[in-house]
N, C-alpha and C. Protein backbone atom coordinates (compact mmCIF):
# COMPACT_ATOMS: atom_id res chain seq x y z
N MET A 1 102.08 107.88 71.88
CA MET A 1 103.42 107.95 72.45
C MET A 1 103.89 109.40 72.44
N PHE A 2 104.55 109.81 73.49
CA PHE A 2 105.01 111.19 73.62
C PHE A 2 106.37 111.37 72.96
N ASP A 3 106.52 112.44 72.22
CA ASP A 3 107.76 112.78 71.55
C ASP A 3 108.48 113.84 72.38
N LEU A 4 109.64 113.51 72.92
CA LEU A 4 110.39 114.45 73.77
C LEU A 4 110.93 115.65 73.00
N GLU A 5 110.92 115.59 71.69
CA GLU A 5 111.44 116.69 70.90
C GLU A 5 110.73 118.01 71.24
N GLY A 6 109.45 117.96 71.57
CA GLY A 6 108.69 119.16 71.88
C GLY A 6 109.12 119.84 73.18
N LEU A 7 109.96 119.18 73.98
CA LEU A 7 110.38 119.76 75.25
C LEU A 7 111.66 120.58 75.14
N THR A 8 112.39 120.43 74.08
CA THR A 8 113.66 121.14 73.96
C THR A 8 113.46 122.54 73.38
N PHE A 9 114.35 123.45 73.75
CA PHE A 9 114.32 124.81 73.22
C PHE A 9 115.73 125.38 73.31
N GLU A 10 115.98 126.41 72.52
CA GLU A 10 117.30 127.04 72.50
C GLU A 10 117.33 128.35 73.29
N GLU A 11 116.22 129.07 73.30
CA GLU A 11 116.20 130.39 73.92
C GLU A 11 114.90 130.58 74.71
N ASP A 12 115.02 131.06 75.92
CA ASP A 12 113.85 131.31 76.76
C ASP A 12 113.43 132.77 76.58
N GLU A 13 112.28 133.00 75.95
CA GLU A 13 111.80 134.35 75.70
C GLU A 13 110.72 134.78 76.68
N ARG A 14 110.48 133.99 77.72
CA ARG A 14 109.43 134.34 78.68
C ARG A 14 109.84 135.56 79.49
N ASN A 15 108.88 136.44 79.70
CA ASN A 15 109.04 137.59 80.59
C ASN A 15 108.22 137.32 81.84
N ASP A 16 108.23 138.26 82.78
CA ASP A 16 107.46 138.09 84.01
C ASP A 16 106.02 137.73 83.69
N LEU A 17 105.46 136.92 84.54
CA LEU A 17 104.10 136.43 84.36
C LEU A 17 103.08 137.54 84.63
N THR A 18 102.19 137.75 83.68
CA THR A 18 101.09 138.71 83.80
C THR A 18 99.78 137.95 83.55
N ASP A 19 98.66 138.62 83.72
CA ASP A 19 97.38 137.97 83.44
C ASP A 19 97.30 137.50 81.99
N GLY A 20 97.78 138.32 81.08
CA GLY A 20 97.77 137.95 79.66
C GLY A 20 98.64 136.73 79.39
N ARG A 21 99.78 136.66 80.02
CA ARG A 21 100.67 135.51 79.82
C ARG A 21 100.09 134.26 80.46
N ARG A 22 99.35 134.43 81.56
CA ARG A 22 98.63 133.29 82.16
C ARG A 22 97.63 132.73 81.15
N ARG A 23 96.90 133.63 80.51
CA ARG A 23 95.92 133.20 79.50
C ARG A 23 96.62 132.50 78.34
N ASN A 24 97.76 133.02 77.92
CA ASN A 24 98.52 132.38 76.83
C ASN A 24 98.95 130.97 77.19
N PHE A 25 99.43 130.80 78.41
CA PHE A 25 99.85 129.48 78.89
C PHE A 25 98.66 128.50 78.84
N LYS A 26 97.53 128.93 79.38
CA LYS A 26 96.33 128.07 79.41
C LYS A 26 95.83 127.77 78.01
N GLN A 27 95.91 128.76 77.14
CA GLN A 27 95.49 128.58 75.75
C GLN A 27 96.37 127.52 75.06
N GLY A 28 97.68 127.60 75.29
CA GLY A 28 98.58 126.60 74.71
C GLY A 28 98.27 125.20 75.24
N TRP A 29 98.04 125.10 76.54
CA TRP A 29 97.72 123.80 77.16
C TRP A 29 96.44 123.22 76.53
N THR A 30 95.42 124.06 76.40
CA THR A 30 94.15 123.62 75.83
C THR A 30 94.34 123.11 74.40
N ARG A 31 95.11 123.81 73.61
CA ARG A 31 95.36 123.37 72.23
C ARG A 31 96.03 122.01 72.19
N ALA A 32 96.96 121.79 73.09
CA ALA A 32 97.65 120.49 73.13
C ALA A 32 96.68 119.38 73.49
N VAL A 33 95.83 119.63 74.49
CA VAL A 33 94.85 118.62 74.92
C VAL A 33 93.88 118.30 73.77
N GLN A 34 93.59 119.30 72.96
CA GLN A 34 92.71 119.10 71.80
C GLN A 34 93.41 118.36 70.66
N GLY A 35 94.70 118.09 70.83
CA GLY A 35 95.45 117.37 69.81
C GLY A 35 95.98 118.24 68.69
N ARG A 36 95.96 119.55 68.89
CA ARG A 36 96.44 120.45 67.85
C ARG A 36 97.96 120.58 67.93
N GLU A 37 98.59 120.55 66.78
CA GLU A 37 100.03 120.75 66.72
C GLU A 37 100.34 122.22 66.97
N TYR A 38 101.53 122.49 67.46
CA TYR A 38 101.92 123.87 67.73
C TYR A 38 102.29 124.53 66.42
N GLU A 39 101.65 125.66 66.13
CA GLU A 39 101.92 126.40 64.90
C GLU A 39 102.83 127.57 65.21
N GLY A 40 104.09 127.30 65.36
CA GLY A 40 105.04 128.36 65.69
C GLY A 40 106.42 127.77 65.88
N VAL A 41 107.29 128.58 66.37
CA VAL A 41 108.68 128.20 66.57
C VAL A 41 108.85 127.61 67.96
N LEU A 42 109.30 126.36 68.05
CA LEU A 42 109.51 125.74 69.34
C LEU A 42 110.94 125.91 69.85
N GLU A 43 111.81 126.50 69.04
CA GLU A 43 113.18 126.74 69.49
C GLU A 43 113.23 127.83 70.55
N LYS A 44 112.20 128.69 70.56
CA LYS A 44 112.13 129.78 71.53
C LYS A 44 110.98 129.47 72.50
N LEU A 45 111.29 129.45 73.79
CA LEU A 45 110.29 129.14 74.80
C LEU A 45 109.46 130.37 75.14
N THR A 46 108.15 130.25 75.02
CA THR A 46 107.21 131.31 75.39
C THR A 46 106.23 130.71 76.40
N TRP A 47 105.45 131.57 77.03
CA TRP A 47 104.44 131.05 77.96
C TRP A 47 103.41 130.20 77.20
N ASN A 48 103.07 130.61 75.99
CA ASN A 48 102.09 129.87 75.21
C ASN A 48 102.60 128.48 74.86
N ASN A 49 103.82 128.41 74.31
CA ASN A 49 104.27 127.08 73.92
C ASN A 49 104.73 126.24 75.11
N LEU A 50 105.02 126.88 76.24
CA LEU A 50 105.26 126.09 77.45
C LEU A 50 103.96 125.41 77.88
N GLY A 51 102.85 126.15 77.82
CA GLY A 51 101.55 125.54 78.11
C GLY A 51 101.26 124.40 77.16
N TRP A 52 101.56 124.59 75.88
CA TRP A 52 101.33 123.54 74.89
C TRP A 52 102.20 122.31 75.20
N ARG A 53 103.47 122.54 75.50
CA ARG A 53 104.38 121.43 75.81
C ARG A 53 103.88 120.63 77.01
N LEU A 54 103.49 121.34 78.08
CA LEU A 54 103.04 120.65 79.30
C LEU A 54 101.68 120.01 79.10
N GLY A 55 100.81 120.65 78.34
CA GLY A 55 99.52 120.05 78.03
C GLY A 55 99.67 118.78 77.22
N ARG A 56 100.64 118.78 76.35
CA ARG A 56 100.94 117.59 75.54
C ARG A 56 101.48 116.47 76.43
N LEU A 57 102.26 116.85 77.42
CA LEU A 57 102.85 115.88 78.33
C LEU A 57 101.84 115.33 79.33
N PHE A 58 101.06 116.21 79.97
CA PHE A 58 100.17 115.81 81.05
C PHE A 58 98.72 115.58 80.64
N GLY A 59 98.30 116.13 79.50
CA GLY A 59 96.93 115.94 79.06
C GLY A 59 95.94 116.75 79.90
N PRO A 60 94.67 116.32 79.88
CA PRO A 60 93.65 117.05 80.64
C PRO A 60 94.01 117.11 82.13
N THR A 61 93.97 118.29 82.69
CA THR A 61 94.39 118.53 84.07
C THR A 61 93.44 119.56 84.68
N PRO A 62 93.03 119.38 85.92
CA PRO A 62 92.15 120.38 86.55
C PRO A 62 92.79 121.77 86.56
N ASP A 63 91.94 122.80 86.43
CA ASP A 63 92.42 124.19 86.38
C ASP A 63 93.31 124.53 87.57
N GLU A 64 92.93 124.09 88.76
CA GLU A 64 93.71 124.42 89.95
C GLU A 64 95.14 123.86 89.85
N LEU A 65 95.27 122.66 89.35
CA LEU A 65 96.60 122.06 89.20
C LEU A 65 97.39 122.76 88.11
N ARG A 66 96.73 123.14 87.02
CA ARG A 66 97.44 123.89 85.97
C ARG A 66 97.96 125.21 86.52
N GLU A 67 97.18 125.88 87.37
CA GLU A 67 97.63 127.12 88.00
C GLU A 67 98.85 126.87 88.87
N GLU A 68 98.83 125.79 89.63
CA GLU A 68 99.98 125.44 90.48
C GLU A 68 101.22 125.21 89.63
N ILE A 69 101.05 124.48 88.54
CA ILE A 69 102.18 124.19 87.64
C ILE A 69 102.71 125.48 87.04
N LEU A 70 101.82 126.35 86.61
CA LEU A 70 102.22 127.63 86.03
C LEU A 70 102.98 128.48 87.05
N ASP A 71 102.47 128.55 88.27
CA ASP A 71 103.17 129.32 89.31
C ASP A 71 104.55 128.73 89.60
N TRP A 72 104.65 127.40 89.62
CA TRP A 72 105.95 126.76 89.82
C TRP A 72 106.90 127.12 88.68
N CYS A 73 106.40 127.10 87.45
CA CYS A 73 107.23 127.46 86.29
C CYS A 73 107.74 128.89 86.40
N ALA A 74 106.89 129.80 86.86
CA ALA A 74 107.30 131.20 87.02
C ALA A 74 108.38 131.32 88.10
N ARG A 75 108.20 130.62 89.21
CA ARG A 75 109.23 130.65 90.27
C ARG A 75 110.53 130.03 89.78
N GLN A 76 110.44 128.95 89.07
CA GLN A 76 111.63 128.26 88.56
C GLN A 76 112.37 129.17 87.57
N ARG A 77 111.63 129.88 86.70
CA ARG A 77 112.24 130.80 85.75
C ARG A 77 113.03 131.87 86.49
N LYS A 78 112.40 132.45 87.53
CA LYS A 78 113.08 133.50 88.30
C LYS A 78 114.34 132.98 88.99
N SER A 79 114.27 131.78 89.52
CA SER A 79 115.44 131.25 90.22
C SER A 79 116.59 130.94 89.27
N ASN A 80 116.27 130.59 88.03
CA ASN A 80 117.32 130.29 87.05
C ASN A 80 117.91 131.52 86.40
N THR A 81 117.16 132.62 86.40
CA THR A 81 117.64 133.83 85.74
C THR A 81 118.13 134.88 86.72
N GLY A 82 117.92 134.62 88.01
CA GLY A 82 118.32 135.59 89.01
C GLY A 82 117.38 136.77 89.12
N VAL A 83 116.22 136.68 88.45
CA VAL A 83 115.22 137.74 88.52
C VAL A 83 114.57 137.72 89.89
N GLN A 84 114.33 138.88 90.48
CA GLN A 84 113.68 138.95 91.79
C GLN A 84 112.23 139.24 91.67
């Protein structure tokens, strides 16, 4: 059963998406699929723990779809923060 508690956060600490942050997102997703608990602060949203949260929610997902989801998250972040 999925626990919605892992989806909440107080502060969004994500910066613009870079290759390194893409890797962090995928790394977090992989850890979630492996059943590993997140070892860090979930009150602050990062690319890594966003990947973990979504991996926990969606489970194993093809790489192409994970990339699409990540790109959507980056666009959504920009639209909510007014970043161009």
